[in-house]
Amino acid sequence: MRELRFRRQHPIGPYVADFACLALKLIVEVDGETHQTAAELAHDARRRTSFAQLGWREVRVANADVYERLDDVLEMIWRQIPPHLRAD
């Protein structure tokens, strides 16, 4: 079983990911309310494209969900891990 760790504020290309698991090439972005404007949504789309071109997968969660539904957020992240790498 490979140990899976997430790094905070990890640089990837020209951007910095909120959380990144290098072993899975998985990014978890935690979005606040500022990610609702057209300009921010366009910026997020550019980031997502850049990450994908570098071979990374990205999942996004809302700040509110982290505070109010943490178990659901953790379950969603857990489902991103291939079954053969999980330590059930």
Protein backbone atom coordinates (compact mmCIF):
# COMPACT_ATOMS: atom_id res chain seq x y z
CA MET A 1 0.00 0.00 0.00
CA ARG A 2 1.45 3.30 -1.07
CA GLU A 3 1.06 6.06 1.48
CA LEU A 4 -1.12 8.85 0.16
CA ARG A 5 -0.45 12.34 1.45
CA PHE A 6 -1.81 15.72 0.49
CA ARG A 7 0.35 18.83 0.37
CA ARG A 8 -1.12 22.26 1.07
CA GLN A 9 -0.52 25.18 -1.27
CA HIS A 10 1.44 23.06 -3.74
CA PRO A 11 2.72 24.74 -6.93
CA ILE A 12 1.68 23.05 -10.17
CA GLY A 13 2.68 24.81 -13.37
CA PRO A 14 1.92 28.52 -13.03
CA TYR A 15 -0.71 27.92 -10.32
CA VAL A 16 -0.84 26.88 -6.66
CA ALA A 17 -3.26 24.10 -5.74
CA ASP A 18 -5.03 24.25 -2.37
CA PHE A 19 -4.28 20.56 -1.73
CA ALA A 20 -2.43 18.11 -3.97
CA CYS A 21 -1.76 14.38 -3.70
CA LEU A 22 1.33 13.79 -5.82
CA ALA A 23 0.94 9.99 -5.89
CA LEU A 24 -2.57 10.28 -7.39
CA LYS A 25 -2.03 13.53 -9.30
CA LEU A 26 -5.21 14.68 -7.56
CA ILE A 27 -5.98 18.28 -6.65
CA VAL A 28 -8.62 19.34 -4.13
CA GLU A 29 -9.65 22.99 -4.48
CA VAL A 30 -11.68 24.60 -1.70
CA ASP A 31 -13.73 27.50 -3.05
CA GLY A 32 -15.11 30.45 -1.15
CA GLU A 33 -17.78 32.85 -2.34
CA THR A 34 -15.32 34.74 -4.54
CA HIS A 35 -15.51 31.89 -7.07
CA GLN A 36 -18.96 32.97 -8.24
CA THR A 37 -18.11 35.90 -10.53
CA ALA A 38 -17.71 35.46 -14.28
CA ALA A 39 -14.05 36.51 -14.05
CA GLU A 40 -13.28 33.99 -11.30
CA LEU A 41 -15.14 31.21 -13.09
CA ALA A 42 -13.10 31.93 -16.24
CA HIS A 43 -9.88 31.91 -14.21
CA ASP A 44 -10.86 28.60 -12.60
CA ALA A 45 -11.53 27.13 -16.06
CA ARG A 46 -8.06 28.17 -17.23
CA ARG A 47 -6.51 26.62 -14.10
CA ARG A 48 -8.48 23.39 -14.61
CA THR A 49 -7.30 23.18 -18.24
CA SER A 50 -3.69 23.81 -17.21
CA PHE A 51 -3.86 21.14 -14.51
CA ALA A 52 -5.42 18.63 -16.92
CA GLN A 53 -2.74 19.29 -19.54
CA LEU A 54 -0.16 18.43 -16.87
CA GLY A 55 -1.99 15.17 -16.11
CA TRP A 56 -3.76 16.24 -12.90
CA ARG A 57 -7.39 15.59 -11.90
CA GLU A 58 -9.17 18.30 -9.95
CA VAL A 59 -12.12 18.16 -7.59
CA ARG A 60 -13.70 21.26 -6.14
CA VAL A 61 -15.57 21.69 -2.88
CA ALA A 62 -17.21 24.72 -1.35
CA ASN A 63 -15.87 26.27 1.85
CA ALA A 64 -19.32 25.93 3.39
CA ASP A 65 -19.35 22.19 2.69
CA VAL A 66 -16.02 21.77 4.50
CA TYR A 67 -17.50 23.44 7.57
CA GLU A 68 -21.02 22.03 7.40
CA ARG A 69 -20.65 18.63 5.69
CA LEU A 70 -17.06 17.55 6.25
CA ASP A 71 -17.93 13.84 6.28
CA ASP A 72 -19.50 14.16 2.82
CA VAL A 73 -16.45 16.05 1.52
CA LEU A 74 -14.07 13.43 2.87
CA GLU A 75 -16.20 10.64 1.37
CA MET A 76 -16.10 12.36 -2.03
CA ILE A 77 -12.30 12.63 -1.83
CA TRP A 78 -12.09 8.99 -0.68
CA ARG A 79 -14.01 7.92 -3.79
CA GLN A 80 -11.30 9.54 -5.93
CA ILE A 81 -8.75 7.02 -4.66
CA PRO A 82 -8.56 3.86 -6.76
CA PRO A 83 -9.85 0.86 -4.75
CA HIS A 84 -6.54 -1.02 -4.93
CA LEU A 85 -4.81 1.88 -3.10
CA ARG A 86 -7.33 2.22 -0.28
CA ALA A 87 -6.53 0.94 3.18
CA ASP A 88 -10.12 0.09 4.17
